[in-house]
Amino acid sequence: MPWSKKEYPNSLKNFMAPVRNKAIEIANALLTEGAPEDRAIAIATSKAEEWAENRSMKIRKDSAPERK
């Protein structure tokens, strides 16, 4: 099932919007390529976190910004 900014996996609810949106984008691409839903979520979450860290972005609503 493709996800959207309004409907997404519960596991993404505590992510900041830009990180959540990136995870949704990645997960949807993986689903299109035939990945199972649970793997798509796991991979997309990891890659979206990495994407945010590389930009020194805050990842979760309840966490401090990442520092390098």
C-alpha atoms as a PDB file:
ATOM      1  CA  MET A   1       0.000   0.000   0.000  1.00  0.00           C
ATOM      2  CA  PRO A   2       1.558   3.348  -0.953  1.00  0.00           C
ATOM      3  CA  TRP A   3       1.765   5.896   1.837  1.00  0.00           C
ATOM      4  CA  SER A   4       1.153   9.634   1.870  1.00  0.00           C
ATOM      5  CA  LYS A   5       1.852  12.615   4.124  1.00  0.00           C
ATOM      6  CA  LYS A   6      -1.492  11.974   5.825  1.00  0.00           C
ATOM      7  CA  GLU A   7      -1.433   8.181   5.905  1.00  0.00           C
ATOM      8  CA  TYR A   8       1.814   6.484   6.841  1.00  0.00           C
ATOM      9  CA  PRO A   9       3.060   3.678   9.099  1.00  0.00           C
ATOM     10  CA  ASN A  10       2.658   4.272  12.816  1.00  0.00           C
ATOM     11  CA  SER A  11       6.402   3.781  13.252  1.00  0.00           C
ATOM     12  CA  LEU A  12       6.989   7.138  11.526  1.00  0.00           C
ATOM     13  CA  LYS A  13       4.702   9.220  13.730  1.00  0.00           C
ATOM     14  CA  ASN A  14       7.482  10.647  15.942  1.00  0.00           C
ATOM     15  CA  PHE A  15       9.693  11.745  13.073  1.00  0.00           C
ATOM     16  CA  MET A  16       9.974  15.379  12.079  1.00  0.00           C
ATOM     17  CA  ALA A  17       7.905  16.044   8.953  1.00  0.00           C
ATOM     18  CA  PRO A  18      10.819  16.371   6.484  1.00  0.00           C
ATOM     19  CA  VAL A  19      12.358  13.100   7.692  1.00  0.00           C
ATOM     20  CA  ARG A  20       8.996  11.320   7.688  1.00  0.00           C
ATOM     21  CA  ASN A  21       8.284  12.594   4.170  1.00  0.00           C
ATOM     22  CA  LYS A  22      11.682  11.341   2.948  1.00  0.00           C
ATOM     23  CA  ALA A  23      10.980   7.930   4.530  1.00  0.00           C
ATOM     24  CA  ILE A  24       7.584   7.823   2.808  1.00  0.00           C
ATOM     25  CA  GLU A  25       9.209   8.694  -0.526  1.00  0.00           C
ATOM     26  CA  ILE A  26      11.843   5.975  -0.120  1.00  0.00           C
ATOM     27  CA  ALA A  27       9.349   3.351   1.105  1.00  0.00           C
ATOM     28  CA  ASN A  28       6.996   4.009  -1.803  1.00  0.00           C
ATOM     29  CA  ALA A  29       9.877   3.633  -4.260  1.00  0.00           C
ATOM     30  CA  LEU A  30      10.853   0.328  -2.647  1.00  0.00           C
ATOM     31  CA  LEU A  31       7.252  -0.914  -2.821  1.00  0.00           C
ATOM     32  CA  THR A  32       7.158  -0.023  -6.522  1.00  0.00           C
ATOM     33  CA  GLU A  33      10.256  -2.161  -6.998  1.00  0.00           C
ATOM     34  CA  GLY A  34       8.496  -5.085  -5.301  1.00  0.00           C
ATOM     35  CA  ALA A  35       9.957  -4.955  -1.788  1.00  0.00           C
ATOM     36  CA  PRO A  36       7.804  -6.396   0.999  1.00  0.00           C
ATOM     37  CA  GLU A  37       6.062  -3.737   3.086  1.00  0.00           C
ATOM     38  CA  ASP A  38       7.914  -4.511   6.343  1.00  0.00           C
ATOM     39  CA  ARG A  39      11.333  -4.361   4.629  1.00  0.00           C
ATOM     40  CA  ALA A  40      10.403  -1.170   2.786  1.00  0.00           C
ATOM     41  CA  ILE A  41       9.555   0.536   6.082  1.00  0.00           C
ATOM     42  CA  ALA A  42      12.739  -0.638   7.791  1.00  0.00           C
ATOM     43  CA  ILE A  43      15.006   0.374   4.919  1.00  0.00           C
ATOM     44  CA  ALA A  44      13.242   3.699   4.376  1.00  0.00           C
ATOM     45  CA  THR A  45      13.460   4.577   8.068  1.00  0.00           C
ATOM     46  CA  SER A  46      17.177   3.885   8.167  1.00  0.00           C
ATOM     47  CA  LYS A  47      17.885   5.779   4.942  1.00  0.00           C
ATOM     48  CA  ALA A  48      15.744   8.771   5.974  1.00  0.00           C
ATOM     49  CA  GLU A  49      17.587   8.988   9.306  1.00  0.00           C
ATOM     50  CA  GLU A  50      20.905   8.879   7.446  1.00  0.00           C
ATOM     51  CA  TRP A  51      19.643  11.556   5.027  1.00  0.00           C
ATOM     52  CA  ALA A  52      18.703  13.827   7.950  1.00  0.00           C
ATOM     53  CA  GLU A  53      21.971  13.223   9.825  1.00  0.00           C
ATOM     54  CA  ASN A  54      23.943  14.213   6.725  1.00  0.00           C
ATOM     55  CA  ARG A  55      22.062  17.520   6.772  1.00  0.00           C
ATOM     56  CA  SER A  56      22.327  18.048  10.568  1.00  0.00           C
ATOM     57  CA  MET A  57      18.548  17.931  10.806  1.00  0.00           C
ATOM     58  CA  LYS A  58      16.502  17.064  13.855  1.00  0.00           C
ATOM     59  CA  ILE A  59      15.162  13.549  13.287  1.00  0.00           C
ATOM     60  CA  ARG A  60      12.549  12.931  15.951  1.00  0.00           C
ATOM     61  CA  LYS A  61      10.061  15.296  17.547  1.00  0.00           C
ATOM     62  CA  ASP A  62      11.356  14.491  21.031  1.00  0.00           C
ATOM     63  CA  SER A  63      15.105  14.612  20.355  1.00  0.00           C
ATOM     64  CA  ALA A  64      17.739  17.316  20.184  1.00  0.00           C
ATOM     65  CA  PRO A  65      19.325  18.150  16.822  1.00  0.00           C
ATOM     66  CA  GLU A  66      22.131  15.827  15.833  1.00  0.00           C
ATOM     67  CA  ARG A  67      25.611  17.252  16.393  1.00  0.00           C
ATOM     68  CA  LYS A  68      28.808  16.222  14.629  1.00  0.00           C
END
